[in-house]
Amino acid sequence: MDKKILQKVGHSKDHVHQRLEATDKECRELRERSRVMLQNQEEAELMRGRRKVNYQMVRRAMTRGIERNFSLTMQENGLDGMLGVSHKAKTLAVNVGHLKRGAEDEDEDAKQRPLSNLSGGERSKALVCLILAMWDFLRLPFRCLDEWDVYLDEVTRARVEHLLYKTCVESGYQVSGH
């Protein structure tokens, strides 16, 4: 090392050498920490990918179950219903028709229509069926419906009320009304 430089900085050759070794050691430690951090980042990305796949599988299974439950609940109420769920587009299409009463029954009521084309009573009935279909998959501490029967006639109200009561009792929930 040049003596003039050492004199300018005011340090001995040994001191500069010690500082160089300390800096070199610090650089090696930083490189190792950086390597470990990159490795952890890669592992985290793999975990995130696995979690995303698992989430999508659970979501698909829940969606299929809700679609199945909806169809069954609708059939119990004399309706034919189908859900169209698009997680990608974040949309839910609800189509409803009346069950055919016989092979010759080809009236307009048997055709499935979107929720927006239904009467108020049909819409209320379909939405209660949708809620019941989802309840099996939503582990909630309590469930609450308000004015679910607004557009229902007395006969339909009684049928849906019985269905709600039956579902709540089977699930261990208490029923309260006003």
N, C-alpha and C. Protein backbone atom coordinates (compact mmCIF):
# COMPACT_ATOMS: atom_id res chain seq x y z
N MET A 1 0.83 -1.18 0.00
CA MET A 1 0.00 0.00 0.00
C MET A 1 0.88 1.24 0.00
N ASP A 2 0.44 2.25 -0.59
CA ASP A 2 1.20 3.49 -0.70
C ASP A 2 1.24 4.21 0.64
N LYS A 3 2.46 4.53 1.12
CA LYS A 3 2.62 5.17 2.42
C LYS A 3 1.97 6.55 2.46
N LYS A 4 1.99 7.26 1.33
CA LYS A 4 1.38 8.60 1.29
C LYS A 4 -0.12 8.52 1.55
N ILE A 5 -0.75 7.50 0.99
CA ILE A 5 -2.20 7.33 1.19
C ILE A 5 -2.48 7.02 2.65
N LEU A 6 -1.67 6.12 3.24
CA LEU A 6 -1.86 5.76 4.64
C LEU A 6 -1.67 6.98 5.54
N GLN A 7 -0.71 7.80 5.22
CA GLN A 7 -0.49 9.00 6.02
C GLN A 7 -1.66 9.98 5.89
N LYS A 8 -2.19 10.08 4.68
CA LYS A 8 -3.33 10.99 4.47
C LYS A 8 -4.54 10.59 5.31
N VAL A 9 -4.85 9.30 5.34
CA VAL A 9 -6.03 8.84 6.08
C VAL A 9 -5.74 8.69 7.56
N GLY A 10 -4.48 8.69 7.91
CA GLY A 10 -4.10 8.65 9.32
C GLY A 10 -4.23 7.28 9.95
N HIS A 11 -4.12 6.22 9.18
CA HIS A 11 -4.22 4.86 9.73
C HIS A 11 -2.99 4.06 9.36
N SER A 12 -2.69 3.09 10.18
CA SER A 12 -1.56 2.21 9.90
C SER A 12 -1.99 1.14 8.91
N LYS A 13 -0.99 0.45 8.37
CA LYS A 13 -1.24 -0.62 7.41
C LYS A 13 -2.04 -1.74 8.07
N ASP A 14 -1.75 -2.08 9.31
CA ASP A 14 -2.47 -3.14 10.04
C ASP A 14 -3.94 -2.75 10.26
N HIS A 15 -4.13 -1.50 10.60
CA HIS A 15 -5.50 -1.02 10.83
C HIS A 15 -6.33 -1.12 9.54
N VAL A 16 -5.78 -0.71 8.44
CA VAL A 16 -6.48 -0.77 7.16
C VAL A 16 -6.75 -2.23 6.79
N HIS A 17 -5.79 -3.10 7.05
CA HIS A 17 -5.94 -4.52 6.75
C HIS A 17 -7.07 -5.14 7.60
N GLN A 18 -7.11 -4.77 8.88
CA GLN A 18 -8.18 -5.26 9.76
C GLN A 18 -9.55 -4.79 9.28
N ARG A 19 -9.62 -3.55 8.87
CA ARG A 19 -10.90 -3.00 8.36
C ARG A 19 -11.31 -3.73 7.08
N LEU A 20 -10.35 -4.02 6.25
CA LEU A 20 -10.62 -4.74 5.00
C LEU A 20 -11.16 -6.14 5.28
N GLU A 21 -10.54 -6.84 6.24
CA GLU A 21 -11.01 -8.18 6.61
C GLU A 21 -12.41 -8.12 7.21
N ALA A 22 -12.66 -7.13 8.06
CA ALA A 22 -13.99 -6.98 8.67
C ALA A 22 -15.05 -6.69 7.60
N THR A 23 -14.70 -5.84 6.66
CA THR A 23 -15.63 -5.52 5.57
C THR A 23 -15.88 -6.74 4.70
N ASP A 24 -14.82 -7.51 4.43
CA ASP A 24 -14.95 -8.73 3.64
C ASP A 24 -15.86 -9.73 4.35
N LYS A 25 -15.68 -9.89 5.66
CA LYS A 25 -16.52 -10.80 6.45
C LYS A 25 -17.98 -10.35 6.42
N GLU A 26 -18.18 -9.06 6.57
CA GLU A 26 -19.54 -8.50 6.52
C GLU A 26 -20.19 -8.75 5.16
N CYS A 27 -19.45 -8.62 4.09
CA CYS A 27 -19.97 -8.88 2.74
C CYS A 27 -20.36 -10.35 2.58
N ARG A 28 -19.52 -11.27 3.09
CA ARG A 28 -19.84 -12.70 3.02
C ARG A 28 -21.13 -13.00 3.79
N GLU A 29 -21.28 -12.40 4.97
CA GLU A 29 -22.49 -12.60 5.78
C GLU A 29 -23.73 -12.06 5.05
N LEU A 30 -23.58 -10.90 4.45
CA LEU A 30 -24.70 -10.31 3.71
C LEU A 30 -25.08 -11.17 2.50
N ARG A 31 -24.06 -11.71 1.80
CA ARG A 31 -24.35 -12.61 0.67
C ARG A 31 -25.10 -13.85 1.14
N GLU A 32 -24.69 -14.39 2.27
CA GLU A 32 -25.36 -15.59 2.81
C GLU A 32 -26.79 -15.26 3.22
N ARG A 33 -26.98 -14.14 3.90
CA ARG A 33 -28.34 -13.74 4.28
C ARG A 33 -29.21 -13.50 3.05
N SER A 34 -28.62 -12.92 2.02
CA SER A 34 -29.35 -12.69 0.77
C SER A 34 -29.74 -14.02 0.13
N ARG A 35 -28.82 -15.00 0.14
CA ARG A 35 -29.12 -16.33 -0.42
C ARG A 35 -30.26 -16.99 0.35
N VAL A 36 -30.22 -16.91 1.67
CA VAL A 36 -31.28 -17.50 2.50
C VAL A 36 -32.61 -16.81 2.24
N MET A 37 -32.58 -15.48 2.09
CA MET A 37 -33.82 -14.75 1.82
C MET A 37 -34.41 -15.13 0.47
N LEU A 38 -33.56 -15.29 -0.53
CA LEU A 38 -34.05 -15.73 -1.85
C LEU A 38 -34.64 -17.13 -1.78
N GLN A 39 -33.99 -18.00 -1.03
CA GLN A 39 -34.50 -19.36 -0.85
C GLN A 39 -35.86 -19.32 -0.15
N ASN A 40 -35.98 -18.51 0.89
CA ASN A 40 -37.26 -18.37 1.60
C ASN A 40 -38.34 -17.81 0.69
N GLN A 41 -37.96 -16.86 -0.15
CA GLN A 41 -38.93 -16.28 -1.09
C GLN A 41 -39.43 -17.34 -2.06
N GLU A 42 -38.52 -18.18 -2.57
CA GLU A 42 -38.92 -19.25 -3.49
C GLU A 42 -39.86 -20.23 -2.81
N GLU A 43 -39.54 -20.60 -1.56
CA GLU A 43 -40.40 -21.51 -0.80
C GLU A 43 -41.77 -20.88 -0.56
N ALA A 44 -41.79 -19.60 -0.24
CA ALA A 44 -43.06 -18.90 -0.02
C ALA A 44 -43.89 -18.88 -1.30
N GLU A 45 -43.25 -18.67 -2.45
CA GLU A 45 -43.98 -18.68 -3.73
C GLU A 45 -44.56 -20.06 -4.01
N LEU A 46 -43.80 -21.12 -3.71
CA LEU A 46 -44.32 -22.48 -3.89
C LEU A 46 -45.53 -22.72 -2.98
N MET A 47 -45.40 -22.29 -1.73
CA MET A 47 -46.52 -22.45 -0.78
C MET A 47 -47.74 -21.67 -1.25
N ARG A 48 -47.52 -20.46 -1.73
CA ARG A 48 -48.63 -19.64 -2.22
C ARG A 48 -49.31 -20.33 -3.39
N GLY A 49 -48.53 -20.89 -4.29
CA GLY A 49 -49.10 -21.61 -5.43
C GLY A 49 -49.92 -22.82 -4.99
N ARG A 50 -49.39 -23.58 -4.02
CA ARG A 50 -50.14 -24.75 -3.51
C ARG A 50 -51.43 -24.30 -2.82
N ARG A 51 -51.34 -23.23 -2.04
CA ARG A 51 -52.54 -22.73 -1.36
C ARG A 51 -53.59 -22.25 -2.35
N LYS A 52 -53.14 -21.61 -3.43
CA LYS A 52 -54.08 -21.14 -4.45
C LYS A 52 -54.79 -22.32 -5.10
N VAL A 53 -54.03 -23.37 -5.42
CA VAL A 53 -54.63 -24.57 -6.02
C VAL A 53 -55.62 -25.20 -5.05
N ASN A 54 -55.23 -25.33 -3.78
CA ASN A 54 -56.13 -25.90 -2.78
C ASN A 54 -57.39 -25.06 -2.61
N TYR A 55 -57.22 -23.73 -2.59
CA TYR A 55 -58.36 -22.83 -2.46
C TYR A 55 -59.32 -23.02 -3.63
N GLN A 56 -58.77 -23.11 -4.84
CA GLN A 56 -59.62 -23.29 -6.02
C GLN A 56 -60.35 -24.62 -5.97
N MET A 57 -59.69 -25.66 -5.47
CA MET A 57 -60.35 -26.97 -5.35
C MET A 57 -61.50 -26.90 -4.35
N VAL A 58 -61.25 -26.27 -3.21
CA VAL A 58 -62.31 -26.15 -2.19
C VAL A 58 -63.45 -25.30 -2.73
N ARG A 59 -63.12 -24.21 -3.41
CA ARG A 59 -64.14 -23.33 -3.97
C ARG A 59 -65.00 -24.08 -4.99
N ARG A 60 -64.35 -24.88 -5.87
CA ARG A 60 -65.10 -25.66 -6.86
C ARG A 60 -66.01 -26.67 -6.18
N ALA A 61 -65.48 -27.35 -5.15
CA ALA A 61 -66.29 -28.34 -4.43
C ALA A 61 -67.48 -27.68 -3.75
N MET A 62 -67.26 -26.53 -3.13
CA MET A 62 -68.36 -25.82 -2.48
C MET A 62 -69.39 -25.35 -3.51
N THR A 63 -68.90 -24.85 -4.64
CA THR A 63 -69.82 -24.39 -5.68
C THR A 63 -70.68 -25.53 -6.19
N ARG A 64 -70.05 -26.67 -6.47
CA ARG A 64 -70.83 -27.84 -6.94
C ARG A 64 -71.86 -28.26 -5.90
N GLY A 65 -71.45 -28.25 -4.62
CA GLY A 65 -72.37 -28.63 -3.56
C GLY A 65 -73.54 -27.66 -3.44
N ILE A 66 -73.25 -26.37 -3.55
CA ILE A 66 -74.32 -25.37 -3.48
C ILE A 66 -75.26 -25.52 -4.68
N GLU A 67 -74.69 -25.74 -5.86
CA GLU A 67 -75.52 -25.93 -7.06
C GLU A 67 -76.42 -27.15 -6.89
N ARG A 68 -75.85 -28.24 -6.37
CA ARG A 68 -76.64 -29.46 -6.14
C ARG A 68 -77.73 -29.21 -5.10
N ASN A 69 -77.36 -28.60 -3.97
CA ASN A 69 -78.35 -28.33 -2.92
C ASN A 69 -79.45 -27.40 -3.43
N PHE A 70 -79.08 -26.42 -4.23
CA PHE A 70 -80.07 -25.50 -4.78
C PHE A 70 -81.07 -26.25 -5.65
N SER A 71 -80.56 -27.09 -6.51
CA SER A 71 -81.44 -27.86 -7.40
C SER A 71 -82.38 -28.75 -6.60
N LEU A 72 -81.84 -29.42 -5.57
CA LEU A 72 -82.67 -30.31 -4.74
C LEU A 72 -83.71 -29.52 -3.95
N THR A 73 -83.30 -28.40 -3.37
CA THR A 73 -84.23 -27.58 -2.59
C THR A 73 -85.32 -27.02 -3.50
N MET A 74 -84.96 -26.63 -4.70
CA MET A 74 -85.96 -26.13 -5.65
C MET A 74 -86.95 -27.24 -5.99
N GLN A 75 -86.45 -28.45 -6.24
CA GLN A 75 -87.33 -29.57 -6.58
C GLN A 75 -88.30 -29.87 -5.44
N GLU A 76 -87.82 -29.77 -4.19
CA GLU A 76 -88.69 -29.98 -3.03
C GLU A 76 -89.83 -28.96 -3.01
N ASN A 77 -89.63 -27.83 -3.67
CA ASN A 77 -90.63 -26.77 -3.70
C ASN A 77 -91.34 -26.66 -5.04
N GLY A 78 -91.24 -27.72 -5.85
CA GLY A 78 -91.96 -27.76 -7.12
C GLY A 78 -91.36 -26.91 -8.21
N LEU A 79 -90.11 -26.53 -8.05
CA LEU A 79 -89.45 -25.70 -9.05
C LEU A 79 -88.23 -26.42 -9.61
N ASP A 80 -87.84 -26.01 -10.78
CA ASP A 80 -86.63 -26.51 -11.42
C ASP A 80 -85.65 -25.35 -11.44
N GLY A 81 -84.51 -25.51 -10.79
CA GLY A 81 -83.58 -24.40 -10.70
C GLY A 81 -82.17 -24.79 -11.07
N MET A 82 -81.45 -23.82 -11.60
CA MET A 82 -80.07 -24.05 -11.97
C MET A 82 -79.27 -22.78 -11.66
N LEU A 83 -78.10 -22.99 -11.06
CA LEU A 83 -77.19 -21.88 -10.79
C LEU A 83 -76.08 -21.89 -11.81
N GLY A 84 -75.68 -20.74 -12.24
CA GLY A 84 -74.52 -20.59 -13.11
C GLY A 84 -73.52 -19.69 -12.41
N VAL A 85 -72.48 -20.28 -11.85
CA VAL A 85 -71.49 -19.53 -11.09
C VAL A 85 -70.23 -19.36 -11.92
N SER A 86 -69.77 -18.13 -12.03
CA SER A 86 -68.49 -17.85 -12.69
C SER A 86 -67.62 -17.08 -11.70
N HIS A 87 -66.66 -17.79 -11.13
CA HIS A 87 -65.76 -17.13 -10.18
C HIS A 87 -64.87 -16.13 -10.89
N LYS A 88 -64.50 -16.45 -12.11
CA LYS A 88 -63.62 -15.57 -12.86
C LYS A 88 -64.31 -14.23 -13.15
N ALA A 89 -65.56 -14.31 -13.62
CA ALA A 89 -66.32 -13.09 -13.93
C ALA A 89 -67.03 -12.52 -12.70
N LYS A 90 -66.99 -13.26 -11.59
CA LYS A 90 -67.65 -12.87 -10.35
C LYS A 90 -69.15 -12.63 -10.57
N THR A 91 -69.79 -13.63 -11.22
CA THR A 91 -71.22 -13.53 -11.49
C THR A 91 -71.94 -14.78 -11.01
N LEU A 92 -73.22 -14.60 -10.74
CA LEU A 92 -74.10 -15.68 -10.35
C LEU A 92 -75.38 -15.55 -11.17
N ALA A 93 -75.69 -16.57 -11.95
CA ALA A 93 -76.93 -16.57 -12.73
C ALA A 93 -77.87 -17.59 -12.09
N VAL A 94 -79.08 -17.17 -11.80
CA VAL A 94 -80.09 -18.04 -11.22
C VAL A 94 -81.21 -18.18 -12.24
N ASN A 95 -81.45 -19.41 -12.67
CA ASN A 95 -82.53 -19.69 -13.63
C ASN A 95 -83.53 -20.62 -12.97
N VAL A 96 -84.81 -20.30 -13.15
CA VAL A 96 -85.88 -21.02 -12.46
C VAL A 96 -87.01 -21.32 -13.43
N GLY A 97 -87.57 -22.50 -13.28
CA GLY A 97 -88.77 -22.90 -14.00
C GLY A 97 -89.58 -23.81 -13.10
N HIS A 98 -90.76 -24.16 -13.54
CA HIS A 98 -91.60 -25.08 -12.77
C HIS A 98 -91.31 -26.49 -13.24
N LEU A 99 -91.37 -27.43 -12.31
CA LEU A 99 -91.16 -28.83 -12.69
C LEU A 99 -92.28 -29.28 -13.61
N LYS A 100 -91.92 -30.11 -14.58
CA LYS A 100 -92.93 -30.66 -15.49
C LYS A 100 -93.77 -31.65 -14.70
N ARG A 101 -95.09 -31.58 -14.92
CA ARG A 101 -95.99 -32.47 -14.22
C ARG A 101 -96.24 -33.76 -14.99
N GLY A 102 -95.85 -33.78 -16.23
CA GLY A 102 -96.03 -34.97 -17.05
C GLY A 102 -95.28 -34.81 -18.36
N ALA A 103 -95.24 -35.88 -19.15
CA ALA A 103 -94.50 -35.86 -20.41
C ALA A 103 -95.09 -34.85 -21.39
N GLU A 104 -96.41 -34.67 -21.33
CA GLU A 104 -97.07 -33.74 -22.25
C GLU A 104 -96.99 -32.28 -21.77
N ASP A 105 -96.46 -32.07 -20.59
CA ASP A 105 -96.40 -30.74 -20.00
C ASP A 105 -95.25 -29.94 -20.61
N GLU A 106 -95.55 -29.12 -21.57
CA GLU A 106 -94.53 -28.30 -22.25
C GLU A 106 -94.91 -26.82 -22.19
N ASP A 107 -95.56 -26.41 -21.10
CA ASP A 107 -95.99 -25.02 -21.04
C ASP A 107 -94.81 -24.09 -20.76
N GLU A 108 -95.08 -22.81 -20.83
CA GLU A 108 -94.04 -21.80 -20.65
C GLU A 108 -93.44 -21.81 -19.25
N ASP A 109 -94.24 -22.22 -18.23
CA ASP A 109 -93.73 -22.24 -16.85
C ASP A 109 -92.61 -23.25 -16.66
N ALA A 110 -92.57 -24.30 -17.48
CA ALA A 110 -91.56 -25.33 -17.33
C ALA A 110 -90.19 -24.87 -17.82
N LYS A 111 -90.17 -23.86 -18.68
CA LYS A 111 -88.89 -23.36 -19.19
C LYS A 111 -88.19 -22.55 -18.11
N GLN A 112 -86.90 -22.73 -18.00
CA GLN A 112 -86.15 -21.96 -17.01
C GLN A 112 -85.96 -20.53 -17.49
N ARG A 113 -86.17 -19.61 -16.55
CA ARG A 113 -86.03 -18.19 -16.84
C ARG A 113 -85.07 -17.56 -15.83
N PRO A 114 -84.43 -16.47 -16.21
CA PRO A 114 -83.55 -15.78 -15.25
C PRO A 114 -84.37 -15.21 -14.10
N LEU A 115 -83.71 -15.02 -12.99
CA LEU A 115 -84.35 -14.50 -11.79
C LEU A 115 -85.08 -13.19 -12.06
N SER A 116 -84.53 -12.35 -12.92
CA SER A 116 -85.14 -11.05 -13.19
C SER A 116 -86.48 -11.16 -13.92
N ASN A 117 -86.75 -12.31 -14.54
CA ASN A 117 -88.01 -12.50 -15.27
C ASN A 117 -89.07 -13.22 -14.45
N LEU A 118 -88.85 -13.41 -13.18
CA LEU A 118 -89.80 -14.14 -12.33
C LEU A 118 -90.72 -13.17 -11.60
N SER A 119 -91.83 -13.70 -11.16
CA SER A 119 -92.72 -12.89 -10.32
C SER A 119 -92.05 -12.70 -8.96
N GLY A 120 -92.57 -11.77 -8.17
CA GLY A 120 -91.99 -11.52 -6.85
C GLY A 120 -92.00 -12.75 -5.97
N GLY A 121 -93.10 -13.52 -6.00
CA GLY A 121 -93.20 -14.73 -5.19
C GLY A 121 -92.22 -15.80 -5.63
N GLU A 122 -92.11 -15.99 -6.96
CA GLU A 122 -91.16 -16.99 -7.48
C GLU A 122 -89.73 -16.59 -7.13
N ARG A 123 -89.46 -15.30 -7.23
CA ARG A 123 -88.12 -14.80 -6.92
C ARG A 123 -87.80 -15.02 -5.44
N SER A 124 -88.76 -14.69 -4.56
CA SER A 124 -88.54 -14.90 -3.12
C SER A 124 -88.30 -16.37 -2.81
N LYS A 125 -89.10 -17.22 -3.40
CA LYS A 125 -88.97 -18.66 -3.18
C LYS A 125 -87.60 -19.16 -3.66
N ALA A 126 -87.18 -18.70 -4.83
CA ALA A 126 -85.88 -19.11 -5.38
C ALA A 126 -84.74 -18.61 -4.50
N LEU A 127 -84.84 -17.39 -3.99
CA LEU A 127 -83.77 -16.84 -3.16
C LEU A 127 -83.69 -17.54 -1.81
N VAL A 128 -84.84 -17.92 -1.24
CA VAL A 128 -84.81 -18.70 0.00
C VAL A 128 -84.15 -20.05 -0.26
N CYS A 129 -84.46 -20.67 -1.39
CA CYS A 129 -83.82 -21.95 -1.75
C CYS A 129 -82.31 -21.77 -1.92
N LEU A 130 -81.90 -20.65 -2.50
CA LEU A 130 -80.48 -20.38 -2.66
C LEU A 130 -79.80 -20.21 -1.30
N ILE A 131 -80.44 -19.48 -0.42
CA ILE A 131 -79.88 -19.27 0.93
C ILE A 131 -79.76 -20.61 1.66
N LEU A 132 -80.80 -21.43 1.59
CA LEU A 132 -80.74 -22.74 2.24
C LEU A 132 -79.64 -23.61 1.64
N ALA A 133 -79.45 -23.52 0.34
CA ALA A 133 -78.40 -24.29 -0.32
C ALA A 133 -77.02 -23.87 0.18
N MET A 134 -76.85 -22.59 0.45
CA MET A 134 -75.55 -22.09 0.90
C MET A 134 -75.31 -22.35 2.38
N TRP A 135 -76.36 -22.44 3.17
CA TRP A 135 -76.21 -22.60 4.62
C TRP A 135 -75.39 -23.84 5.00
N ASP A 136 -75.49 -24.91 4.24
CA ASP A 136 -74.72 -26.11 4.55
C ASP A 136 -73.23 -25.86 4.45
N PHE A 137 -72.84 -24.88 3.67
CA PHE A 137 -71.42 -24.63 3.43
C PHE A 137 -70.88 -23.44 4.21
N LEU A 138 -71.76 -22.67 4.81
CA LEU A 138 -71.34 -21.51 5.60
C LEU A 138 -71.53 -21.85 7.07
N ARG A 139 -70.44 -22.00 7.76
CA ARG A 139 -70.50 -22.35 9.19
C ARG A 139 -70.64 -21.06 10.00
N LEU A 140 -71.88 -20.63 10.15
CA LEU A 140 -72.16 -19.38 10.85
C LEU A 140 -72.72 -19.69 12.23
N PRO A 141 -72.44 -18.87 13.24
CA PRO A 141 -72.96 -19.12 14.57
C PRO A 141 -74.48 -18.90 14.67
N PHE A 142 -75.01 -18.07 13.82
CA PHE A 142 -76.46 -17.87 13.77
C PHE A 142 -76.84 -17.49 12.35
N ARG A 143 -78.12 -17.63 12.08
CA ARG A 143 -78.65 -17.30 10.75
C ARG A 143 -79.87 -16.42 10.92
N CYS A 144 -79.99 -15.46 10.03
CA CYS A 144 -81.08 -14.51 10.17
C CYS A 144 -81.66 -14.18 8.80
N LEU A 145 -82.97 -14.22 8.70
CA LEU A 145 -83.67 -13.82 7.49
C LEU A 145 -84.68 -12.75 7.89
N ASP A 146 -84.77 -11.74 7.08
CA ASP A 146 -85.72 -10.67 7.36
C ASP A 146 -86.59 -10.46 6.12
N GLU A 147 -87.89 -10.50 6.32
CA GLU A 147 -88.87 -10.26 5.26
C GLU A 147 -88.67 -11.16 4.04
N TRP A 148 -88.32 -12.41 4.30
CA TRP A 148 -88.12 -13.37 3.22
C TRP A 148 -89.43 -13.74 2.53
N ASP A 149 -90.54 -13.48 3.19
CA ASP A 149 -91.84 -13.91 2.68
C ASP A 149 -92.67 -12.78 2.07
N VAL A 150 -92.05 -11.66 1.78
CA VAL A 150 -92.78 -10.46 1.33
C VAL A 150 -93.71 -10.73 0.16
N TYR A 151 -93.25 -11.40 -0.88
CA TYR A 151 -94.05 -11.56 -2.08
C TYR A 151 -94.73 -12.93 -2.18
N LEU A 152 -94.69 -13.70 -1.12
CA LEU A 152 -95.25 -15.06 -1.17
C LEU A 152 -96.73 -15.05 -0.81
N ASP A 153 -97.50 -15.89 -1.50
CA ASP A 153 -98.90 -16.07 -1.12
C ASP A 153 -98.93 -16.98 0.12
N GLU A 154 -100.09 -17.13 0.73
CA GLU A 154 -100.22 -17.86 1.99
C GLU A 154 -99.78 -19.33 1.86
N VAL A 155 -100.18 -20.00 0.79
CA VAL A 155 -99.84 -21.42 0.61
C VAL A 155 -98.33 -21.58 0.46
N THR A 156 -97.74 -20.76 -0.40
CA THR A 156 -96.30 -20.85 -0.62
C THR A 156 -95.54 -20.44 0.63
N ARG A 157 -96.04 -19.42 1.32
CA ARG A 157 -95.40 -18.98 2.56
C ARG A 157 -95.35 -20.13 3.57
N ALA A 158 -96.45 -20.84 3.71
CA ALA A 158 -96.51 -21.96 4.65
C ALA A 158 -95.53 -23.06 4.25
N ARG A 159 -95.44 -23.37 2.95
CA ARG A 159 -94.52 -24.42 2.49
C ARG A 159 -93.06 -24.02 2.73
N VAL A 160 -92.73 -22.79 2.40
CA VAL A 160 -91.35 -22.33 2.58
C VAL A 160 -91.02 -22.20 4.07
N GLU A 161 -91.98 -21.74 4.85
CA GLU A 161 -91.78 -21.63 6.30
C GLU A 161 -91.51 -23.01 6.90
N HIS A 162 -92.25 -24.01 6.45
CA HIS A 162 -92.02 -25.38 6.91
C HIS A 162 -90.61 -25.85 6.53
N LEU A 163 -90.20 -25.54 5.31
CA LEU A 163 -88.86 -25.91 4.85
C LEU A 163 -87.79 -25.23 5.69
N LEU A 164 -87.96 -23.94 5.95
CA LEU A 164 -87.01 -23.21 6.79
C LEU A 164 -86.95 -23.80 8.20
N TYR A 165 -88.13 -24.07 8.76
CA TYR A 165 -88.19 -24.63 10.11
C TYR A 165 -87.49 -25.98 10.15
N LYS A 166 -87.81 -26.84 9.18
CA LYS A 166 -87.19 -28.17 9.11
C LYS A 166 -85.67 -28.06 9.00
N THR A 167 -85.20 -27.17 8.16
CA THR A 167 -83.75 -26.99 7.97
C THR A 167 -83.10 -26.50 9.25
N CYS A 168 -83.71 -25.56 9.91
CA CYS A 168 -83.14 -25.02 11.15
C CYS A 168 -83.10 -26.07 12.25
N VAL A 169 -84.17 -26.83 12.40
CA VAL A 169 -84.22 -27.86 13.43
C VAL A 169 -83.17 -28.93 13.16
N GLU A 170 -83.04 -29.36 11.89
CA GLU A 170 -82.03 -30.36 11.55
C GLU A 170 -80.62 -29.85 11.79
N SER A 171 -80.42 -28.55 11.67
CA SER A 171 -79.10 -27.96 11.87
C SER A 171 -78.83 -27.59 13.32
N GLY A 172 -79.85 -27.69 14.16
CA GLY A 172 -79.67 -27.34 15.57
C GLY A 172 -79.84 -25.86 15.88
N TYR A 173 -80.48 -25.14 15.00
CA TYR A 173 -80.72 -23.71 15.21
C TYR A 173 -82.10 -23.49 15.78
N GLN A 174 -82.25 -22.43 16.55
CA GLN A 174 -83.56 -22.06 17.05
C GLN A 174 -84.22 -21.13 16.05
N VAL A 175 -85.54 -21.20 16.02
CA VAL A 175 -86.31 -20.38 15.09
C VAL A 175 -87.07 -19.32 15.88
N SER A 176 -87.00 -18.09 15.41
CA SER A 176 -87.71 -17.00 16.05
C SER A 176 -88.36 -16.16 14.95
N GLY A 177 -89.50 -15.66 15.21
CA GLY A 177 -90.18 -14.84 14.21
C GLY A 177 -90.89 -13.67 14.86
N HIS A 178 -91.43 -12.81 14.02
CA HIS A 178 -92.20 -11.67 14.56
C HIS A 178 -93.49 -11.55 13.80
